[in-house]
Amino acid sequence: MFRTLLKTEALAIEDRTFPIRYFELRTLRGARRYSAEILLGPGDRIILDDDSVTNLEARTACLVPATLYSRMLAGRTAA
């Protein structure tokens, strides 16, 4: 099964921009699934999936900032 690139975007959080690629995948039963691949850094990605692109975009807008801020907090606590 192959993914089809639907669109690319960039999400700006504070002073950084993160590229996002949205894909469509057909399941064996013919249903459509969508995924978003967010590149945080070299070799560091977040992949989300959902049944609709609209839901996926909303989840991406919420989860990416939360992930980044939690990583920053964890980095400060470990120091």
N, C-alpha and C. Protein backbone atom coordinates (compact mmCIF):
# COMPACT_ATOMS: atom_id res chain seq x y z
N MET A 1 0.85 -1.18 0.00
CA MET A 1 0.00 0.00 0.00
C MET A 1 0.89 1.24 0.00
N PHE A 2 0.52 2.18 -0.82
CA PHE A 2 1.30 3.39 -0.94
C PHE A 2 0.53 4.59 -0.42
N ARG A 3 1.28 5.52 0.12
CA ARG A 3 0.69 6.77 0.57
C ARG A 3 0.74 7.77 -0.58
N THR A 4 -0.28 8.60 -0.64
CA THR A 4 -0.33 9.67 -1.63
C THR A 4 -0.22 10.99 -0.89
N LEU A 5 0.73 11.82 -1.29
CA LEU A 5 0.90 13.12 -0.67
C LEU A 5 -0.26 14.02 -1.08
N LEU A 6 -1.00 14.53 -0.08
CA LEU A 6 -2.13 15.41 -0.35
C LEU A 6 -1.72 16.88 -0.36
N LYS A 7 -0.95 17.26 0.65
CA LYS A 7 -0.52 18.66 0.74
C LYS A 7 0.60 18.80 1.76
N THR A 8 1.27 19.93 1.69
CA THR A 8 2.31 20.27 2.66
C THR A 8 1.97 21.61 3.28
N GLU A 9 2.33 21.77 4.52
CA GLU A 9 2.12 23.01 5.26
C GLU A 9 3.30 23.23 6.17
N ALA A 10 3.29 24.36 6.84
CA ALA A 10 4.29 24.65 7.86
C ALA A 10 3.56 25.19 9.08
N LEU A 11 3.96 24.72 10.25
CA LEU A 11 3.35 25.16 11.50
C LEU A 11 4.38 26.00 12.25
N ALA A 12 4.04 27.25 12.52
CA ALA A 12 4.94 28.15 13.24
C ALA A 12 4.60 28.13 14.72
N ILE A 13 5.61 27.84 15.53
CA ILE A 13 5.47 27.84 16.98
C ILE A 13 6.63 28.64 17.54
N GLU A 14 6.27 29.73 18.20
CA GLU A 14 7.25 30.69 18.68
C GLU A 14 8.15 31.13 17.53
N ASP A 15 9.45 30.90 17.61
CA ASP A 15 10.35 31.38 16.56
C ASP A 15 10.80 30.27 15.60
N ARG A 16 10.11 29.13 15.63
CA ARG A 16 10.49 28.01 14.77
C ARG A 16 9.33 27.62 13.86
N THR A 17 9.66 27.04 12.72
CA THR A 17 8.67 26.56 11.76
C THR A 17 8.92 25.07 11.52
N PHE A 18 7.84 24.30 11.55
CA PHE A 18 7.94 22.86 11.39
C PHE A 18 7.14 22.43 10.15
N PRO A 19 7.80 21.74 9.21
CA PRO A 19 7.08 21.28 8.01
C PRO A 19 6.16 20.10 8.33
N ILE A 20 5.00 20.11 7.68
CA ILE A 20 4.00 19.05 7.86
C ILE A 20 3.62 18.53 6.48
N ARG A 21 3.58 17.21 6.36
CA ARG A 21 3.12 16.59 5.12
C ARG A 21 1.91 15.72 5.44
N TYR A 22 0.84 15.91 4.67
CA TYR A 22 -0.39 15.14 4.84
C TYR A 22 -0.48 14.10 3.73
N PHE A 23 -0.82 12.86 4.13
CA PHE A 23 -0.90 11.75 3.19
C PHE A 23 -2.26 11.07 3.26
N GLU A 24 -2.63 10.43 2.15
CA GLU A 24 -3.82 9.59 2.10
C GLU A 24 -3.38 8.16 1.82
N LEU A 25 -4.03 7.22 2.48
CA LEU A 25 -3.73 5.80 2.29
C LEU A 25 -5.05 5.06 2.13
N ARG A 26 -5.11 4.18 1.16
CA ARG A 26 -6.28 3.31 0.98
C ARG A 26 -6.01 2.00 1.71
N THR A 27 -6.95 1.60 2.56
CA THR A 27 -6.80 0.34 3.27
C THR A 27 -7.17 -0.82 2.35
N LEU A 28 -6.93 -2.03 2.81
CA LEU A 28 -7.28 -3.21 2.02
C LEU A 28 -8.78 -3.30 1.75
N ARG A 29 -9.56 -2.74 2.64
CA ARG A 29 -11.03 -2.76 2.47
C ARG A 29 -11.53 -1.58 1.65
N GLY A 30 -10.63 -0.73 1.18
CA GLY A 30 -11.03 0.39 0.35
C GLY A 30 -11.31 1.68 1.09
N ALA A 31 -11.20 1.67 2.41
CA ALA A 31 -11.43 2.89 3.20
C ALA A 31 -10.22 3.82 3.05
N ARG A 32 -10.43 5.06 3.37
CA ARG A 32 -9.34 6.04 3.32
C ARG A 32 -8.89 6.37 4.74
N ARG A 33 -7.59 6.43 4.90
CA ARG A 33 -6.97 6.87 6.16
C ARG A 33 -6.03 8.00 5.81
N TYR A 34 -5.88 8.91 6.74
CA TYR A 34 -5.02 10.07 6.51
C TYR A 34 -3.97 10.12 7.60
N SER A 35 -2.78 10.58 7.23
CA SER A 35 -1.72 10.73 8.21
C SER A 35 -1.00 12.05 7.99
N ALA A 36 -0.41 12.54 9.07
CA ALA A 36 0.40 13.75 9.02
C ALA A 36 1.76 13.41 9.57
N GLU A 37 2.78 13.84 8.87
CA GLU A 37 4.16 13.64 9.31
C GLU A 37 4.75 15.01 9.60
N ILE A 38 5.10 15.25 10.86
CA ILE A 38 5.64 16.53 11.30
C ILE A 38 7.11 16.35 11.60
N LEU A 39 7.96 17.10 10.93
CA LEU A 39 9.40 17.00 11.11
C LEU A 39 9.84 18.00 12.18
N LEU A 40 10.27 17.47 13.33
CA LEU A 40 10.73 18.33 14.43
C LEU A 40 12.22 18.61 14.34
N GLY A 41 12.95 17.68 13.78
CA GLY A 41 14.40 17.82 13.65
C GLY A 41 14.92 16.64 12.86
N PRO A 42 16.22 16.62 12.60
CA PRO A 42 16.78 15.49 11.86
C PRO A 42 16.52 14.17 12.61
N GLY A 43 15.80 13.28 11.97
CA GLY A 43 15.51 11.99 12.59
C GLY A 43 14.46 12.04 13.69
N ASP A 44 13.77 13.15 13.84
CA ASP A 44 12.76 13.31 14.90
C ASP A 44 11.45 13.72 14.25
N ARG A 45 10.50 12.77 14.22
CA ARG A 45 9.22 13.01 13.57
C ARG A 45 8.07 12.63 14.49
N ILE A 46 6.95 13.29 14.27
CA ILE A 46 5.69 12.89 14.90
C ILE A 46 4.80 12.46 13.76
N ILE A 47 4.15 11.31 13.89
CA ILE A 47 3.21 10.86 12.87
C ILE A 47 1.86 10.66 13.54
N LEU A 48 0.85 11.32 12.99
CA LEU A 48 -0.52 11.22 13.49
C LEU A 48 -1.38 10.64 12.38
N ASP A 49 -2.47 9.96 12.76
CA ASP A 49 -3.39 9.49 11.74
C ASP A 49 -4.83 9.66 12.21
N ASP A 50 -5.74 9.70 11.23
CA ASP A 50 -7.15 9.91 11.52
C ASP A 50 -7.97 9.49 10.31
N ASP A 51 -9.30 9.53 10.47
CA ASP A 51 -10.21 9.18 9.38
C ASP A 51 -10.51 10.36 8.46
N SER A 52 -10.21 11.60 8.89
CA SER A 52 -10.48 12.76 8.05
C SER A 52 -9.33 13.76 8.16
N VAL A 53 -9.12 14.49 7.09
CA VAL A 53 -8.06 15.50 7.08
C VAL A 53 -8.39 16.63 8.04
N THR A 54 -9.66 17.00 8.13
CA THR A 54 -10.07 18.08 9.02
C THR A 54 -9.73 17.76 10.47
N ASN A 55 -10.06 16.55 10.92
CA ASN A 55 -9.73 16.13 12.28
C ASN A 55 -8.22 16.07 12.48
N LEU A 56 -7.53 15.61 11.47
CA LEU A 56 -6.08 15.49 11.54
C LEU A 56 -5.42 16.86 11.68
N GLU A 57 -5.90 17.83 10.94
CA GLU A 57 -5.36 19.20 11.05
C GLU A 57 -5.60 19.77 12.44
N ALA A 58 -6.78 19.53 12.99
CA ALA A 58 -7.09 20.02 14.34
C ALA A 58 -6.20 19.35 15.38
N ARG A 59 -6.02 18.04 15.27
CA ARG A 59 -5.16 17.32 16.21
C ARG A 59 -3.72 17.80 16.11
N THR A 60 -3.26 18.03 14.89
CA THR A 60 -1.89 18.50 14.68
C THR A 60 -1.68 19.85 15.35
N ALA A 61 -2.64 20.75 15.18
CA ALA A 61 -2.53 22.10 15.77
C ALA A 61 -2.46 22.05 17.29
N CYS A 62 -3.08 21.04 17.90
CA CYS A 62 -3.06 20.92 19.37
C CYS A 62 -1.87 20.11 19.88
N LEU A 63 -1.58 19.00 19.24
CA LEU A 63 -0.58 18.08 19.76
C LEU A 63 0.87 18.50 19.53
N VAL A 64 1.14 19.15 18.42
CA VAL A 64 2.54 19.54 18.15
C VAL A 64 3.03 20.55 19.17
N PRO A 65 2.30 21.64 19.44
CA PRO A 65 2.79 22.57 20.48
C PRO A 65 2.91 21.89 21.85
N ALA A 66 1.94 21.05 22.19
CA ALA A 66 2.00 20.36 23.48
C ALA A 66 3.23 19.46 23.57
N THR A 67 3.55 18.77 22.50
CA THR A 67 4.73 17.91 22.47
C THR A 67 6.01 18.72 22.65
N LEU A 68 6.10 19.83 21.92
CA LEU A 68 7.30 20.67 22.01
C LEU A 68 7.47 21.26 23.40
N TYR A 69 6.39 21.77 23.97
CA TYR A 69 6.48 22.37 25.31
C TYR A 69 6.80 21.33 26.37
N SER A 70 6.25 20.12 26.25
CA SER A 70 6.56 19.09 27.24
C SER A 70 8.01 18.65 27.13
N ARG A 71 8.54 18.62 25.91
CA ARG A 71 9.96 18.29 25.74
C ARG A 71 10.85 19.38 26.33
N MET A 72 10.45 20.63 26.17
CA MET A 72 11.24 21.72 26.75
C MET A 72 11.24 21.63 28.28
N LEU A 73 10.09 21.33 28.85
CA LEU A 73 10.01 21.19 30.31
C LEU A 73 10.85 20.01 30.80
N ALA A 74 10.80 18.91 30.09
CA ALA A 74 11.59 17.74 30.46
C ALA A 74 13.07 18.04 30.38
N GLY A 75 13.46 18.83 29.39
CA GLY A 75 14.87 19.22 29.25
C GLY A 75 15.33 20.09 30.38
N ARG A 76 14.46 20.98 30.84
CA ARG A 76 14.81 21.87 31.96
C ARG A 76 14.90 21.10 33.27
N THR A 77 14.01 20.11 33.43
CA THR A 77 14.02 19.35 34.68
C THR A 77 15.24 18.47 34.77
N ALA A 78 15.68 17.95 33.62
CA ALA A 78 16.80 17.05 33.62
C ALA A 78 18.13 17.79 33.85
N ALA A 79 18.16 19.08 33.60
CA ALA A 79 19.41 19.85 33.71
C ALA A 79 19.78 20.15 35.14
